[in-house]
N, C-alpha and C. Protein backbone atom coordinates (compact mmCIF):
# COMPACT_ATOMS: atom_id res chain seq x y z
N UNK A 1 0.81 -1.20 0.00
CA UNK A 1 0.00 0.00 0.00
C UNK A 1 0.86 1.27 0.00
N UNK A 2 2.00 1.20 0.69
CA UNK A 2 2.88 2.37 0.76
C UNK A 2 3.40 2.77 -0.62
N UNK A 3 3.67 1.76 -1.46
CA UNK A 3 4.15 2.07 -2.81
C UNK A 3 3.06 2.76 -3.63
N UNK A 4 1.83 2.32 -3.50
CA UNK A 4 0.73 2.96 -4.23
C UNK A 4 0.55 4.41 -3.78
N UNK A 5 0.65 4.63 -2.48
CA UNK A 5 0.54 5.99 -1.95
C UNK A 5 1.69 6.84 -2.45
N UNK A 6 2.88 6.26 -2.50
CA UNK A 6 4.04 6.99 -2.99
C UNK A 6 3.87 7.38 -4.46
N UNK A 7 3.39 6.47 -5.27
CA UNK A 7 3.14 6.78 -6.68
C UNK A 7 2.10 7.89 -6.81
N UNK A 8 1.02 7.78 -6.05
CA UNK A 8 0.00 8.84 -6.06
C UNK A 8 0.57 10.18 -5.63
N UNK A 9 1.45 10.17 -4.65
CA UNK A 9 2.09 11.40 -4.19
C UNK A 9 3.00 11.98 -5.26
N UNK A 10 3.68 11.11 -6.01
CA UNK A 10 4.51 11.57 -7.11
C UNK A 10 3.67 12.21 -8.21
N UNK A 11 2.51 11.64 -8.47
CA UNK A 11 1.60 12.23 -9.46
C UNK A 11 1.13 13.59 -8.99
N UNK A 12 0.81 13.70 -7.69
CA UNK A 12 0.39 14.99 -7.15
C UNK A 12 1.51 16.02 -7.20
N UNK A 13 2.75 15.57 -7.18
CA UNK A 13 3.86 16.52 -7.33
C UNK A 13 3.78 17.19 -8.70
N UNK A 14 3.46 16.42 -9.71
CA UNK A 14 3.28 16.98 -11.05
C UNK A 14 2.11 17.96 -11.07
N UNK A 15 1.03 17.60 -10.39
CA UNK A 15 -0.15 18.47 -10.34
C UNK A 15 0.21 19.81 -9.72
N UNK A 16 0.91 19.77 -8.57
CA UNK A 16 1.21 21.06 -7.95
C UNK A 16 2.24 21.86 -8.75
N UNK A 17 3.14 21.19 -9.44
CA UNK A 17 4.11 21.93 -10.27
C UNK A 17 3.40 22.62 -11.44
N UNK A 18 2.46 21.90 -12.05
CA UNK A 18 1.71 22.51 -13.16
C UNK A 18 0.83 23.65 -12.65
N UNK A 19 0.21 23.45 -11.49
CA UNK A 19 -0.63 24.50 -10.91
C UNK A 19 0.20 25.73 -10.54
N UNK A 20 1.41 25.49 -10.07
CA UNK A 20 2.30 26.61 -9.75
C UNK A 20 2.56 27.46 -10.98
N UNK A 21 2.81 26.80 -12.10
CA UNK A 21 3.01 27.52 -13.36
C UNK A 21 1.77 28.30 -13.76
N UNK A 22 0.62 27.65 -13.64
CA UNK A 22 -0.65 28.28 -14.05
C UNK A 22 -1.08 29.39 -13.10
N UNK A 23 -0.56 29.38 -11.87
CA UNK A 23 -0.99 30.39 -10.88
C UNK A 23 -0.43 31.77 -11.18
N UNK A 24 0.56 31.84 -12.06
CA UNK A 24 1.19 33.11 -12.44
C UNK A 24 1.60 33.90 -11.19
N UNK A 25 2.48 33.29 -10.41
CA UNK A 25 2.96 33.96 -9.20
C UNK A 25 1.90 34.10 -8.13
N UNK A 26 1.03 33.11 -8.03
CA UNK A 26 -0.08 33.08 -7.06
C UNK A 26 -1.07 34.23 -7.27
N UNK A 27 -1.17 34.72 -8.49
CA UNK A 27 -2.11 35.81 -8.78
C UNK A 27 -3.46 35.29 -9.29
N UNK A 28 -3.53 34.00 -9.63
CA UNK A 28 -4.80 33.41 -10.08
C UNK A 28 -5.29 32.45 -9.01
N UNK A 29 -6.51 32.67 -8.48
CA UNK A 29 -6.96 31.93 -7.30
C UNK A 29 -7.13 30.42 -7.49
N UNK A 30 -7.73 29.97 -8.56
CA UNK A 30 -8.00 28.54 -8.71
C UNK A 30 -6.69 27.74 -8.81
N UNK A 31 -5.78 28.09 -9.72
CA UNK A 31 -4.52 27.34 -9.74
C UNK A 31 -3.74 27.44 -8.42
N UNK A 32 -3.86 28.56 -7.73
CA UNK A 32 -3.18 28.71 -6.44
C UNK A 32 -3.75 27.74 -5.42
N UNK A 33 -5.06 27.61 -5.39
CA UNK A 33 -5.71 26.66 -4.46
C UNK A 33 -5.30 25.23 -4.83
N UNK A 34 -5.34 24.91 -6.12
CA UNK A 34 -4.94 23.57 -6.57
C UNK A 34 -3.49 23.30 -6.15
N UNK A 35 -2.63 24.29 -6.30
CA UNK A 35 -1.23 24.14 -5.90
C UNK A 35 -1.12 23.75 -4.43
N UNK A 36 -1.75 24.53 -3.54
CA UNK A 36 -1.60 24.27 -2.11
C UNK A 36 -2.23 22.94 -1.68
N UNK A 37 -3.38 22.61 -2.24
CA UNK A 37 -4.03 21.34 -1.89
C UNK A 37 -3.20 20.16 -2.39
N UNK A 38 -2.77 20.22 -3.66
CA UNK A 38 -1.98 19.12 -4.22
C UNK A 38 -0.65 18.97 -3.50
N UNK A 39 -0.02 20.09 -3.15
CA UNK A 39 1.26 20.01 -2.45
C UNK A 39 1.07 19.40 -1.06
N UNK A 40 0.04 19.81 -0.35
CA UNK A 40 -0.20 19.25 0.98
C UNK A 40 -0.47 17.75 0.91
N UNK A 41 -1.32 17.34 -0.03
CA UNK A 41 -1.62 15.91 -0.17
C UNK A 41 -0.40 15.12 -0.62
N UNK A 42 0.41 15.70 -1.49
CA UNK A 42 1.62 15.03 -1.94
C UNK A 42 2.59 14.82 -0.78
N UNK A 43 2.76 15.83 0.04
CA UNK A 43 3.65 15.72 1.19
C UNK A 43 3.11 14.74 2.23
N UNK A 44 1.81 14.75 2.44
CA UNK A 44 1.20 13.80 3.37
C UNK A 44 1.42 12.36 2.89
N UNK A 45 1.24 12.15 1.60
CA UNK A 45 1.46 10.81 1.06
C UNK A 45 2.91 10.38 1.19
N UNK A 46 3.83 11.29 0.91
CA UNK A 46 5.25 10.97 1.06
C UNK A 46 5.57 10.64 2.52
N UNK A 47 5.02 11.42 3.43
CA UNK A 47 5.29 11.17 4.86
C UNK A 47 4.72 9.83 5.30
N UNK A 48 3.61 9.44 4.72
CA UNK A 48 3.04 8.12 5.03
C UNK A 48 3.90 7.00 4.44
N UNK A 49 4.36 7.20 3.22
CA UNK A 49 5.15 6.16 2.54
C UNK A 49 6.47 5.89 3.25
N UNK A 50 7.09 6.92 3.84
CA UNK A 50 8.39 6.71 4.47
C UNK A 50 8.30 5.93 5.78
N UNK A 51 7.09 5.62 6.20
CA UNK A 51 6.94 4.72 7.35
C UNK A 51 7.41 3.31 7.00
N UNK A 52 7.21 2.92 5.73
CA UNK A 52 7.54 1.56 5.29
C UNK A 52 8.66 1.49 4.27
N UNK A 53 8.94 2.59 3.60
CA UNK A 53 9.95 2.63 2.55
C UNK A 53 11.09 3.53 3.04
N UNK A 54 12.34 3.10 2.88
CA UNK A 54 13.45 3.95 3.33
C UNK A 54 13.37 5.35 2.70
N UNK A 55 13.71 6.35 3.49
CA UNK A 55 13.58 7.74 3.07
C UNK A 55 14.28 8.03 1.74
N UNK A 56 15.52 7.58 1.60
CA UNK A 56 16.27 7.86 0.37
C UNK A 56 15.60 7.30 -0.86
N UNK A 57 15.09 6.08 -0.74
CA UNK A 57 14.39 5.44 -1.86
C UNK A 57 13.07 6.15 -2.12
N UNK A 58 12.30 6.38 -1.08
CA UNK A 58 10.98 7.01 -1.24
C UNK A 58 11.10 8.39 -1.85
N UNK A 59 12.02 9.18 -1.34
CA UNK A 59 12.17 10.54 -1.86
C UNK A 59 12.64 10.53 -3.31
N UNK A 60 13.57 9.66 -3.63
CA UNK A 60 14.07 9.56 -5.00
C UNK A 60 12.97 9.14 -5.97
N UNK A 61 12.16 8.18 -5.58
CA UNK A 61 11.05 7.73 -6.41
C UNK A 61 10.02 8.85 -6.57
N UNK A 62 9.70 9.52 -5.47
CA UNK A 62 8.72 10.61 -5.48
C UNK A 62 9.17 11.72 -6.42
N UNK A 63 10.42 12.13 -6.30
CA UNK A 63 10.95 13.18 -7.16
C UNK A 63 11.01 12.70 -8.61
N UNK A 64 11.44 11.46 -8.82
CA UNK A 64 11.53 10.92 -10.17
C UNK A 64 10.20 10.89 -10.89
N UNK A 65 9.17 10.44 -10.18
CA UNK A 65 7.82 10.40 -10.78
C UNK A 65 7.35 11.82 -11.08
N UNK A 66 7.49 12.70 -10.10
CA UNK A 66 7.05 14.09 -10.30
C UNK A 66 7.79 14.78 -11.42
N UNK A 67 9.10 14.60 -11.47
CA UNK A 67 9.90 15.25 -12.51
C UNK A 67 9.57 14.70 -13.90
N UNK A 68 9.42 13.40 -13.99
CA UNK A 68 9.11 12.78 -15.27
C UNK A 68 7.75 13.23 -15.79
N UNK A 69 6.75 13.19 -14.93
CA UNK A 69 5.41 13.60 -15.36
C UNK A 69 5.34 15.10 -15.67
N UNK A 70 6.05 15.90 -14.89
CA UNK A 70 6.06 17.34 -15.15
C UNK A 70 6.75 17.63 -16.48
N UNK A 71 7.83 16.92 -16.76
CA UNK A 71 8.52 17.06 -18.05
C UNK A 71 7.57 16.69 -19.19
N UNK A 72 6.89 15.54 -19.06
CA UNK A 72 5.97 15.09 -20.11
C UNK A 72 4.82 16.07 -20.29
N UNK A 73 4.24 16.52 -19.18
CA UNK A 73 3.14 17.49 -19.24
C UNK A 73 3.59 18.78 -19.94
N UNK A 74 4.75 19.28 -19.56
CA UNK A 74 5.25 20.52 -20.16
C UNK A 74 5.53 20.36 -21.64
N UNK A 75 6.04 19.19 -22.02
CA UNK A 75 6.36 18.95 -23.43
C UNK A 75 5.10 18.78 -24.27
N UNK A 76 4.09 18.10 -23.71
CA UNK A 76 2.89 17.78 -24.49
C UNK A 76 1.85 18.89 -24.42
N UNK A 77 1.53 19.32 -23.22
CA UNK A 77 0.45 20.29 -23.02
C UNK A 77 0.97 21.72 -22.94
N UNK A 78 2.12 21.88 -22.32
CA UNK A 78 2.65 23.22 -22.09
C UNK A 78 3.33 23.85 -23.28
N UNK A 79 3.50 23.09 -24.35
CA UNK A 79 4.09 23.64 -25.55
C UNK A 79 5.59 23.89 -25.46
N UNK A 80 6.26 23.31 -24.47
CA UNK A 80 7.70 23.53 -24.32
C UNK A 80 8.52 22.67 -25.26
N UNK A 81 7.94 21.56 -25.70
CA UNK A 81 8.67 20.65 -26.57
C UNK A 81 9.74 19.90 -25.81
N UNK A 82 10.38 18.98 -26.49
CA UNK A 82 11.45 18.19 -25.89
C UNK A 82 12.37 17.71 -26.99
N UNK A 83 13.65 17.80 -26.73
CA UNK A 83 14.62 17.29 -27.71
C UNK A 83 14.74 15.78 -27.53
N UNK A 84 15.19 15.09 -28.56
CA UNK A 84 15.38 13.64 -28.43
C UNK A 84 16.33 13.28 -27.28
N UNK A 85 17.36 14.07 -27.08
CA UNK A 85 18.31 13.77 -26.00
C UNK A 85 17.66 13.97 -24.63
N UNK A 86 16.80 14.96 -24.49
CA UNK A 86 16.07 15.14 -23.23
C UNK A 86 15.17 13.95 -22.95
N UNK A 87 14.52 13.44 -23.97
CA UNK A 87 13.66 12.26 -23.81
C UNK A 87 14.49 11.05 -23.38
N UNK A 88 15.67 10.90 -23.95
CA UNK A 88 16.55 9.79 -23.56
C UNK A 88 16.90 9.90 -22.08
N UNK A 89 17.25 11.09 -21.61
CA UNK A 89 17.62 11.25 -20.21
C UNK A 89 16.44 11.05 -19.27
N UNK A 90 15.27 11.49 -19.68
CA UNK A 90 14.08 11.26 -18.84
C UNK A 90 13.77 9.77 -18.80
N UNK A 91 13.95 9.06 -19.90
CA UNK A 91 13.76 7.60 -19.88
C UNK A 91 14.77 6.95 -18.93
N UNK A 92 15.98 7.48 -18.88
CA UNK A 92 16.96 6.99 -17.92
C UNK A 92 16.51 7.22 -16.49
N UNK A 93 15.88 8.35 -16.25
CA UNK A 93 15.33 8.64 -14.92
C UNK A 93 14.24 7.64 -14.56
N UNK A 94 13.37 7.33 -15.51
CA UNK A 94 12.31 6.34 -15.29
C UNK A 94 12.93 4.97 -14.99
N UNK A 95 13.95 4.60 -15.73
CA UNK A 95 14.63 3.32 -15.48
C UNK A 95 15.22 3.28 -14.08
N UNK A 96 15.77 4.38 -13.63
CA UNK A 96 16.34 4.44 -12.28
C UNK A 96 15.25 4.30 -11.22
N UNK A 97 14.11 4.93 -11.42
CA UNK A 97 13.00 4.81 -10.47
C UNK A 97 12.52 3.35 -10.41
N UNK A 98 12.38 2.72 -11.56
CA UNK A 98 11.98 1.31 -11.59
C UNK A 98 13.02 0.45 -10.89
N UNK A 99 14.30 0.74 -11.12
CA UNK A 99 15.37 0.00 -10.46
C UNK A 99 15.31 0.14 -8.94
N UNK A 100 15.01 1.34 -8.47
CA UNK A 100 14.88 1.54 -7.01
C UNK A 100 13.74 0.71 -6.45
N UNK A 101 12.64 0.65 -7.18
CA UNK A 101 11.51 -0.15 -6.71
C UNK A 101 11.87 -1.64 -6.68
N UNK A 102 12.52 -2.09 -7.72
CA UNK A 102 12.84 -3.52 -7.83
C UNK A 102 13.89 -3.97 -6.82
N UNK A 103 14.71 -3.06 -6.38
CA UNK A 103 15.78 -3.44 -5.44
C UNK A 103 15.46 -3.09 -4.00
N UNK A 104 14.24 -2.60 -3.75
CA UNK A 104 13.83 -2.24 -2.39
C UNK A 104 12.98 -3.34 -1.77
N UNK A 105 13.11 -3.46 -0.48
CA UNK A 105 12.31 -4.48 0.23
C UNK A 105 10.90 -4.00 0.44
């Protein structure tokens, strides 16, 4: 269950990062509210996950999921695009997150 919560928390990291961008410096109320709610839930999930998963592994997985999804969101929806080399490195990040899961108790 801790791994599922950790994955959900990583997804929420992407949500709050996207909301932060959309909030335009916290000047738009709805994205600002989404930012604070998603960030709080993401942190709560991470804090729950570290009860059963070592901190270094949990934090690395959480950041990896959030960074990967934020990169994909920005490239696809945000219009930022992505170079082939950037995609290769993000795939390497995904491989590392999977490796951490497979080698953790």
